[in-house]
Amino acid sequence: QAIVHMQRAVALDPSFSVAWSALHMVCANGAFSSPAHAEEWRRKGTDALEQARALTPDAPHVLLEMGIRAARSGHWLEANDLFEQLTASYARYGMANQAWGPRGVFLLSVGRVREAIDALERARAQEPLAPAFAGFLSEAELAAGHLTRARAEIVRGLELEGYRAWLLRMSFVIALTKDDRAEIERQLATMADDIPGVPLSRRLSQFLEAPAAVEAEIRKLAAEATDSEKAALALWAAHYHQPDLSLELLA
């Protein structure tokens, strides 16, 4: 539905750079949640971003989408350069505080966790009602080993509107990290089966009392798993002390 609205916006005004950039965003994000449309939407998103770039190459909304695309492609040096340009662009338009969120997410992506927490806390202070910052900040706190702080941020995020499935998944990861079997089961009970990886997690939770056969089961499930499901299986492989298998699934 969002793609339709953005296409209508650019049809009404082909010079509307913000709408072209937004069309890229919804197409790129939609490709993750709808594999059947992934190839078509990624192509459409790429074309839309090129249109936005041709219209306003130095605008924050263009640099942000270009930075996200570079990071998702693993082009880290290019992404770093784009996010630095983004910071300067935000400042040029009197929006310097808007740079903290994108910068924090990028820093988290490259494992600079302490710096990411600082940037994301600043972003949260600017946009306390944005649930995305609760998700990214909880991920950063978890990566730093601050489980209590990560959990508190998840609770805060769940009181806002949006990203509920992501936040619930983070609560589940905390339960796995703590190896709290009762909490693992409780968290799984709060998650719907349409969240990627949840049905597989329910299946693998049955091995908590008898983990000897879990590697074979994970490999069996991975043979037909989607990318999102493989990410979920990687969590379980790590939980069951199979780091090589976990890395293999992530790769």
C-alpha atoms as a PDB file:
ATOM      1  CA  GLN A   1       0.000   0.000   0.000  1.00  0.00           C
ATOM      2  CA  ALA A   2       2.838   2.392   0.803  1.00  0.00           C
ATOM      3  CA  ILE A   3       4.428   1.735  -2.589  1.00  0.00           C
ATOM      4  CA  VAL A   4       1.152   2.630  -4.324  1.00  0.00           C
ATOM      5  CA  HIS A   5       0.912   5.909  -2.418  1.00  0.00           C
ATOM      6  CA  MET A   6       4.530   6.846  -3.189  1.00  0.00           C
ATOM      7  CA  GLN A   7       4.062   6.020  -6.868  1.00  0.00           C
ATOM      8  CA  ARG A   8       0.995   8.248  -6.959  1.00  0.00           C
ATOM      9  CA  ALA A   9       2.960  11.059  -5.299  1.00  0.00           C
ATOM     10  CA  VAL A  10       5.760  11.001  -7.885  1.00  0.00           C
ATOM     11  CA  ALA A  11       3.235  10.696 -10.712  1.00  0.00           C
ATOM     12  CA  LEU A  12       1.576  13.898  -9.476  1.00  0.00           C
ATOM     13  CA  ASP A  13       4.946  15.655  -9.105  1.00  0.00           C
ATOM     14  CA  PRO A  14       7.953  14.006 -10.786  1.00  0.00           C
ATOM     15  CA  SER A  15      10.260  16.581  -9.135  1.00  0.00           C
ATOM     16  CA  PHE A  16       9.204  15.512  -5.593  1.00  0.00           C
ATOM     17  CA  SER A  17      12.578  14.195  -4.417  1.00  0.00           C
ATOM     18  CA  VAL A  18      11.390  13.259  -0.911  1.00  0.00           C
ATOM     19  CA  ALA A  19       8.740  10.981  -2.407  1.00  0.00           C
ATOM     20  CA  TRP A  20      11.242   9.313  -4.758  1.00  0.00           C
ATOM     21  CA  SER A  21      13.494   8.671  -1.754  1.00  0.00           C
ATOM     22  CA  ALA A  22      10.570   7.326   0.278  1.00  0.00           C
ATOM     23  CA  LEU A  23       9.639   5.028  -2.607  1.00  0.00           C
ATOM     24  CA  HIS A  24      13.123   3.547  -2.406  1.00  0.00           C
ATOM     25  CA  MET A  25      12.727   3.094   1.357  1.00  0.00           C
ATOM     26  CA  VAL A  26       9.409   1.235   1.208  1.00  0.00           C
ATOM     27  CA  CYS A  27      10.539  -0.916  -1.719  1.00  0.00           C
ATOM     28  CA  ALA A  28      13.846  -1.849  -0.053  1.00  0.00           C
ATOM     29  CA  ASN A  29      12.206  -2.626   3.291  1.00  0.00           C
ATOM     30  CA  GLY A  30       9.280  -4.407   1.640  1.00  0.00           C
ATOM     31  CA  ALA A  31      11.684  -6.718  -0.177  1.00  0.00           C
ATOM     32  CA  PHE A  32      12.731  -8.146   3.204  1.00  0.00           C
ATOM     33  CA  SER A  33       9.189  -8.919   4.315  1.00  0.00           C
ATOM     34  CA  SER A  34       7.836 -10.127   0.971  1.00  0.00           C
ATOM     35  CA  PRO A  35      10.375 -12.416  -0.743  1.00  0.00           C
ATOM     36  CA  ALA A  36       7.970 -13.035  -3.634  1.00  0.00           C
ATOM     37  CA  HIS A  37       8.261  -9.383  -4.654  1.00  0.00           C
ATOM     38  CA  ALA A  38      11.887  -8.889  -3.596  1.00  0.00           C
ATOM     39  CA  GLU A  39      13.533  -8.752  -7.026  1.00  0.00           C
ATOM     40  CA  GLU A  40      10.875  -6.454  -8.516  1.00  0.00           C
ATOM     41  CA  TRP A  41      10.777  -4.100  -5.531  1.00  0.00           C
ATOM     42  CA  ARG A  42      14.560  -3.838  -5.183  1.00  0.00           C
ATOM     43  CA  ARG A  43      14.819  -2.906  -8.855  1.00  0.00           C
ATOM     44  CA  LYS A  44      12.005  -0.380  -8.483  1.00  0.00           C
ATOM     45  CA  GLY A  45      13.613   1.021  -5.336  1.00  0.00           C
ATOM     46  CA  THR A  46      16.984   1.417  -7.027  1.00  0.00           C
ATOM     47  CA  ASP A  47      15.411   3.337  -9.902  1.00  0.00           C
ATOM     48  CA  ALA A  48      13.542   5.575  -7.449  1.00  0.00           C
ATOM     49  CA  LEU A  49      16.691   6.417  -5.496  1.00  0.00           C
ATOM     50  CA  GLU A  50      18.505   7.334  -8.700  1.00  0.00           C
ATOM     51  CA  GLN A  51      15.660   9.720  -9.524  1.00  0.00           C
ATOM     52  CA  ALA A  52      15.925  11.327  -6.065  1.00  0.00           C
ATOM     53  CA  ARG A  53      19.699  11.554  -6.379  1.00  0.00           C
ATOM     54  CA  ALA A  54      19.445  13.262  -9.774  1.00  0.00           C
ATOM     55  CA  LEU A  55      17.047  15.846  -8.327  1.00  0.00           C
ATOM     56  CA  THR A  56      18.754  16.642  -4.988  1.00  0.00           C
ATOM     57  CA  PRO A  57      22.074  14.796  -4.652  1.00  0.00           C
ATOM     58  CA  ASP A  58      23.122  16.429  -1.357  1.00  0.00           C
ATOM     59  CA  ALA A  59      19.765  16.360   0.447  1.00  0.00           C
ATOM     60  CA  PRO A  60      19.617  14.476   3.774  1.00  0.00           C
ATOM     61  CA  HIS A  61      16.841  12.106   2.685  1.00  0.00           C
ATOM     62  CA  VAL A  62      18.891  11.053  -0.355  1.00  0.00           C
ATOM     63  CA  LEU A  63      22.165  10.583   1.516  1.00  0.00           C
ATOM     64  CA  LEU A  64      20.352   8.604   4.231  1.00  0.00           C
ATOM     65  CA  GLU A  65      18.898   6.117   1.758  1.00  0.00           C
ATOM     66  CA  MET A  66      22.202   5.835  -0.096  1.00  0.00           C
ATOM     67  CA  GLY A  67      24.003   5.174   3.193  1.00  0.00           C
ATOM     68  CA  ILE A  68      21.509   2.503   4.217  1.00  0.00           C
ATOM     69  CA  ARG A  69      21.824   0.829   0.810  1.00  0.00           C
ATOM     70  CA  ALA A  70      25.623   0.804   1.010  1.00  0.00           C
ATOM     71  CA  ALA A  71      25.569  -0.616   4.533  1.00  0.00           C
ATOM     72  CA  ARG A  72      23.105  -3.354   3.616  1.00  0.00           C
ATOM     73  CA  SER A  73      25.393  -4.285   0.722  1.00  0.00           C
ATOM     74  CA  GLY A  74      28.370  -4.560   3.071  1.00  0.00           C
ATOM     75  CA  HIS A  75      30.155  -1.603   1.470  1.00  0.00           C
ATOM     76  CA  TRP A  76      31.226  -0.235   4.835  1.00  0.00           C
ATOM     77  CA  LEU A  77      33.758   2.403   3.769  1.00  0.00           C
ATOM     78  CA  GLU A  78      31.323   3.826   1.238  1.00  0.00           C
ATOM     79  CA  ALA A  79      28.579   3.810   3.865  1.00  0.00           C
ATOM     80  CA  ASN A  80      30.818   5.575   6.373  1.00  0.00           C
ATOM     81  CA  ASP A  81      31.581   8.300   3.837  1.00  0.00           C
ATOM     82  CA  LEU A  82      27.879   8.725   3.044  1.00  0.00           C
ATOM     83  CA  PHE A  83      26.904   8.966   6.715  1.00  0.00           C
ATOM     84  CA  GLU A  84      29.589  11.599   7.248  1.00  0.00           C
ATOM     85  CA  GLN A  85      28.134  13.530   4.311  1.00  0.00           C
ATOM     86  CA  LEU A  86      24.698  13.038   5.861  1.00  0.00           C
ATOM     87  CA  THR A  87      25.830  14.586   9.150  1.00  0.00           C
ATOM     88  CA  ALA A  88      27.116  17.639   7.277  1.00  0.00           C
ATOM     89  CA  SER A  89      23.915  17.841   5.233  1.00  0.00           C
ATOM     90  CA  TYR A  90      21.689  17.737   8.304  1.00  0.00           C
ATOM     91  CA  ALA A  91      23.760  20.546   9.843  1.00  0.00           C
ATOM     92  CA  ARG A  92      23.499  22.585   6.643  1.00  0.00           C
ATOM     93  CA  TYR A  93      19.704  22.400   6.812  1.00  0.00           C
ATOM     94  CA  GLY A  94      19.523  23.231  10.534  1.00  0.00           C
ATOM     95  CA  MET A  95      18.728  19.602  11.469  1.00  0.00           C
ATOM     96  CA  ALA A  96      22.009  18.568  13.111  1.00  0.00           C
ATOM     97  CA  ASN A  97      20.312  16.544  15.866  1.00  0.00           C
ATOM     98  CA  GLN A  98      18.668  14.304  13.257  1.00  0.00           C
ATOM     99  CA  ALA A  99      22.078  12.807  12.471  1.00  0.00           C
ATOM    100  CA  TRP A 100      22.383  10.885  15.754  1.00  0.00           C
ATOM    101  CA  GLY A 101      19.953   8.094  14.844  1.00  0.00           C
ATOM    102  CA  PRO A 102      21.441   7.100  11.475  1.00  0.00           C
ATOM    103  CA  ARG A 103      24.964   7.427  12.878  1.00  0.00           C
ATOM    104  CA  GLY A 104      24.096   5.216  15.856  1.00  0.00           C
ATOM    105  CA  VAL A 105      22.563   2.512  13.682  1.00  0.00           C
ATOM    106  CA  PHE A 106      25.607   2.514  11.403  1.00  0.00           C
ATOM    107  CA  LEU A 107      28.007   2.289  14.360  1.00  0.00           C
ATOM    108  CA  LEU A 108      25.999  -0.646  15.714  1.00  0.00           C
ATOM    109  CA  SER A 109      26.197  -2.352  12.313  1.00  0.00           C
ATOM    110  CA  VAL A 110      30.005  -2.269  12.359  1.00  0.00           C
ATOM    111  CA  GLY A 111      30.310  -3.365  15.997  1.00  0.00           C
ATOM    112  CA  ARG A 112      31.301  -0.032  17.542  1.00  0.00           C
ATOM    113  CA  VAL A 113      28.813  -0.683  20.300  1.00  0.00           C
ATOM    114  CA  ARG A 114      29.773   1.857  22.966  1.00  0.00           C
ATOM    115  CA  GLU A 115      29.769   4.684  20.435  1.00  0.00           C
ATOM    116  CA  ALA A 116      26.468   3.399  19.054  1.00  0.00           C
ATOM    117  CA  ILE A 117      24.843   3.508  22.494  1.00  0.00           C
ATOM    118  CA  ASP A 118      25.914   7.113  22.987  1.00  0.00           C
ATOM    119  CA  ALA A 119      24.565   8.169  19.580  1.00  0.00           C
ATOM    120  CA  LEU A 120      21.300   6.241  19.980  1.00  0.00           C
ATOM    121  CA  GLU A 121      20.713   7.721  23.439  1.00  0.00           C
ATOM    122  CA  ARG A 122      21.049  11.165  21.878  1.00  0.00           C
ATOM    123  CA  ALA A 123      18.613  10.132  19.137  1.00  0.00           C
ATOM    124  CA  ARG A 124      16.155   8.865  21.757  1.00  0.00           C
ATOM    125  CA  ALA A 125      16.360  12.200  23.577  1.00  0.00           C
ATOM    126  CA  GLN A 126      15.401  13.952  20.328  1.00  0.00           C
ATOM    127  CA  GLU A 127      12.643  11.494  19.382  1.00  0.00           C
ATOM    128  CA  PRO A 128      11.434   9.758  22.586  1.00  0.00           C
ATOM    129  CA  LEU A 129       8.278   8.454  20.886  1.00  0.00           C
ATOM    130  CA  ALA A 130      10.108   6.750  18.000  1.00  0.00           C
ATOM    131  CA  PRO A 131       9.936   2.985  18.663  1.00  0.00           C
ATOM    132  CA  ALA A 132      12.742   2.238  16.184  1.00  0.00           C
ATOM    133  CA  PHE A 133      15.265   3.799  18.550  1.00  0.00           C
ATOM    134  CA  ALA A 134      14.037   1.487  21.321  1.00  0.00           C
ATOM    135  CA  GLY A 135      14.754  -1.464  19.042  1.00  0.00           C
ATOM    136  CA  PHE A 136      18.212  -0.367  17.967  1.00  0.00           C
ATOM    137  CA  LEU A 137      19.191   0.788  21.452  1.00  0.00           C
ATOM    138  CA  SER A 138      18.085  -2.504  22.997  1.00  0.00           C
ATOM    139  CA  GLU A 139      20.186  -4.338  20.393  1.00  0.00           C
ATOM    140  CA  ALA A 140      23.184  -2.172  21.245  1.00  0.00           C
ATOM    141  CA  GLU A 141      22.752  -2.683  24.991  1.00  0.00           C
ATOM    142  CA  LEU A 142      22.434  -6.428  24.460  1.00  0.00           C
ATOM    143  CA  ALA A 143      25.601  -6.453  22.325  1.00  0.00           C
ATOM    144  CA  ALA A 144      27.377  -4.657  25.169  1.00  0.00           C
ATOM    145  CA  GLY A 145      26.152  -7.277  27.642  1.00  0.00           C
ATOM    146  CA  HIS A 146      23.825  -4.852  29.452  1.00  0.00           C
ATOM    147  CA  LEU A 147      20.843  -7.209  29.679  1.00  0.00           C
ATOM    148  CA  THR A 148      18.914  -5.212  32.272  1.00  0.00           C
ATOM    149  CA  ARG A 149      19.243  -1.992  30.286  1.00  0.00           C
ATOM    150  CA  ALA A 150      18.319  -3.789  27.075  1.00  0.00           C
ATOM    151  CA  ARG A 151      15.206  -5.206  28.703  1.00  0.00           C
ATOM    152  CA  ALA A 152      14.199  -1.800  30.080  1.00  0.00           C
ATOM    153  CA  GLU A 153      14.467  -0.269  26.602  1.00  0.00           C
ATOM    154  CA  ILE A 154      12.315  -3.050  25.155  1.00  0.00           C
ATOM    155  CA  VAL A 155       9.645  -2.435  27.795  1.00  0.00           C
ATOM    156  CA  ARG A 156       9.732   1.274  26.944  1.00  0.00           C
ATOM    157  CA  GLY A 157       9.423   0.503  23.234  1.00  0.00           C
ATOM    158  CA  LEU A 158       6.462  -1.825  23.715  1.00  0.00           C
ATOM    159  CA  GLU A 159       4.550   1.067  25.275  1.00  0.00           C
ATOM    160  CA  LEU A 160       4.880   2.952  21.983  1.00  0.00           C
ATOM    161  CA  GLU A 161       3.205   2.124  18.696  1.00  0.00           C
ATOM    162  CA  GLY A 162       5.070   0.029  16.146  1.00  0.00           C
ATOM    163  CA  TYR A 163       7.845  -2.573  15.832  1.00  0.00           C
ATOM    164  CA  ARG A 164       6.171  -4.870  18.343  1.00  0.00           C
ATOM    165  CA  ALA A 165       7.368  -8.068  16.634  1.00  0.00           C
ATOM    166  CA  TRP A 166      10.982  -6.813  16.593  1.00  0.00           C
ATOM    167  CA  LEU A 167      10.888  -5.837  20.261  1.00  0.00           C
ATOM    168  CA  LEU A 168       9.328  -9.142  21.287  1.00  0.00           C
ATOM    169  CA  ARG A 169      12.037 -10.946  19.328  1.00  0.00           C
ATOM    170  CA  MET A 170      14.662  -8.977  21.242  1.00  0.00           C
ATOM    171  CA  SER A 171      13.052 -10.049  24.529  1.00  0.00           C
ATOM    172  CA  PHE A 172      13.320 -13.619  23.323  1.00  0.00           C
ATOM    173  CA  VAL A 173      17.017 -13.163  22.489  1.00  0.00           C
ATOM    174  CA  ILE A 174      17.624 -11.876  26.019  1.00  0.00           C
ATOM    175  CA  ALA A 175      15.938 -14.981  27.423  1.00  0.00           C
ATOM    176  CA  LEU A 176      18.172 -17.172  25.233  1.00  0.00           C
ATOM    177  CA  THR A 177      21.246 -15.228  26.326  1.00  0.00           C
ATOM    178  CA  LYS A 178      20.367 -15.750  29.982  1.00  0.00           C
ATOM    179  CA  ASP A 179      19.581 -19.435  29.319  1.00  0.00           C
ATOM    180  CA  ASP A 180      16.397 -18.973  31.311  1.00  0.00           C
ATOM    181  CA  ARG A 181      14.237 -21.855  30.133  1.00  0.00           C
ATOM    182  CA  ALA A 182      11.041 -20.660  31.783  1.00  0.00           C
ATOM    183  CA  GLU A 183      11.521 -17.201  30.277  1.00  0.00           C
ATOM    184  CA  ILE A 184      12.305 -18.679  26.849  1.00  0.00           C
ATOM    185  CA  GLU A 185       8.988 -20.511  26.900  1.00  0.00           C
ATOM    186  CA  ARG A 186       7.157 -17.440  28.197  1.00  0.00           C
ATOM    187  CA  GLN A 187       8.591 -15.209  25.499  1.00  0.00           C
ATOM    188  CA  LEU A 188       7.746 -17.730  22.768  1.00  0.00           C
ATOM    189  CA  ALA A 189       4.171 -17.785  24.058  1.00  0.00           C
ATOM    190  CA  THR A 190       3.869 -14.014  23.474  1.00  0.00           C
ATOM    191  CA  MET A 191       4.966 -14.238  19.829  1.00  0.00           C
ATOM    192  CA  ALA A 192       2.646 -15.007  16.920  1.00  0.00           C
ATOM    193  CA  ASP A 193       3.516 -17.716  14.409  1.00  0.00           C
ATOM    194  CA  ASP A 194       3.614 -15.176  11.559  1.00  0.00           C
ATOM    195  CA  ILE A 195       6.777 -13.612  13.004  1.00  0.00           C
ATOM    196  CA  PRO A 196       9.708 -15.029  10.963  1.00  0.00           C
ATOM    197  CA  GLY A 197      11.480 -17.835  12.781  1.00  0.00           C
ATOM    198  CA  VAL A 198       8.929 -18.302  15.571  1.00  0.00           C
ATOM    199  CA  PRO A 199       7.568 -21.696  14.410  1.00  0.00           C
ATOM    200  CA  LEU A 200      11.168 -22.950  14.108  1.00  0.00           C
ATOM    201  CA  SER A 201      11.968 -21.598  17.571  1.00  0.00           C
ATOM    202  CA  ARG A 202       9.008 -23.443  19.059  1.00  0.00           C
ATOM    203  CA  ARG A 203      10.320 -26.620  17.469  1.00  0.00           C
ATOM    204  CA  LEU A 204      13.897 -26.132  18.696  1.00  0.00           C
ATOM    205  CA  SER A 205      12.805 -25.243  22.220  1.00  0.00           C
ATOM    206  CA  GLN A 206      11.854 -28.899  22.580  1.00  0.00           C
ATOM    207  CA  PHE A 207      15.590 -29.721  22.674  1.00  0.00           C
ATOM    208  CA  LEU A 208      16.268 -27.651  25.789  1.00  0.00           C
ATOM    209  CA  GLU A 209      16.222 -30.772  27.927  1.00  0.00           C
ATOM    210  CA  ALA A 210      18.011 -32.975  25.391  1.00  0.00           C
ATOM    211  CA  PRO A 211      20.346 -30.906  23.189  1.00  0.00           C
ATOM    212  CA  ALA A 212      22.410 -33.789  21.814  1.00  0.00           C
ATOM    213  CA  ALA A 213      20.406 -34.080  18.587  1.00  0.00           C
ATOM    214  CA  VAL A 214      19.874 -30.360  18.035  1.00  0.00           C
ATOM    215  CA  GLU A 215      22.653 -29.800  15.464  1.00  0.00           C
ATOM    216  CA  ALA A 216      21.154 -32.344  13.082  1.00  0.00           C
ATOM    217  CA  GLU A 217      17.708 -30.794  13.559  1.00  0.00           C
ATOM    218  CA  ILE A 218      19.006 -27.276  12.885  1.00  0.00           C
ATOM    219  CA  ARG A 219      20.757 -28.415   9.698  1.00  0.00           C
ATOM    220  CA  LYS A 220      17.608 -30.205   8.571  1.00  0.00           C
ATOM    221  CA  LEU A 221      15.495 -27.078   9.108  1.00  0.00           C
ATOM    222  CA  ALA A 222      18.095 -24.821   7.475  1.00  0.00           C
ATOM    223  CA  ALA A 223      17.930 -26.817   4.227  1.00  0.00           C
ATOM    224  CA  GLU A 224      14.518 -25.274   3.464  1.00  0.00           C
ATOM    225  CA  ALA A 225      14.702 -22.080   5.537  1.00  0.00           C
ATOM    226  CA  THR A 226      14.377 -18.504   4.302  1.00  0.00           C
ATOM    227  CA  ASP A 227      17.075 -15.953   5.137  1.00  0.00           C
ATOM    228  CA  SER A 228      15.056 -14.660   8.113  1.00  0.00           C
ATOM    229  CA  GLU A 229      14.571 -18.198   9.366  1.00  0.00           C
ATOM    230  CA  LYS A 230      18.291 -18.932   9.018  1.00  0.00           C
ATOM    231  CA  ALA A 231      19.000 -15.908  11.220  1.00  0.00           C
ATOM    232  CA  ALA A 232      16.663 -17.393  13.847  1.00  0.00           C
ATOM    233  CA  LEU A 233      18.352 -20.782  13.535  1.00  0.00           C
ATOM    234  CA  ALA A 234      21.737 -19.095  14.007  1.00  0.00           C
ATOM    235  CA  LEU A 235      20.559 -17.795  17.386  1.00  0.00           C
ATOM    236  CA  TRP A 236      19.653 -21.289  18.463  1.00  0.00           C
ATOM    237  CA  ALA A 237      22.937 -22.731  17.198  1.00  0.00           C
ATOM    238  CA  ALA A 238      24.800 -20.151  19.300  1.00  0.00           C
ATOM    239  CA  HIS A 239      22.608 -20.943  22.289  1.00  0.00           C
ATOM    240  CA  TYR A 240      23.428 -24.638  21.978  1.00  0.00           C
ATOM    241  CA  HIS A 241      27.182 -23.845  21.859  1.00  0.00           C
ATOM    242  CA  GLN A 242      27.574 -24.443  18.125  1.00  0.00           C
ATOM    243  CA  PRO A 243      29.358 -21.221  17.053  1.00  0.00           C
ATOM    244  CA  ASP A 244      30.682 -22.608  13.769  1.00  0.00           C
ATOM    245  CA  LEU A 245      27.179 -23.672  12.725  1.00  0.00           C
ATOM    246  CA  SER A 246      25.803 -20.296  13.811  1.00  0.00           C
ATOM    247  CA  LEU A 247      28.350 -18.427  11.657  1.00  0.00           C
ATOM    248  CA  GLU A 248      27.698 -20.769   8.764  1.00  0.00           C
ATOM    249  CA  LEU A 249      23.977 -19.968   8.896  1.00  0.00           C
ATOM    250  CA  LEU A 250      24.604 -16.233   9.108  1.00  0.00           C
ATOM    251  CA  ALA A 251      26.982 -16.391   6.143  1.00  0.00           C
END
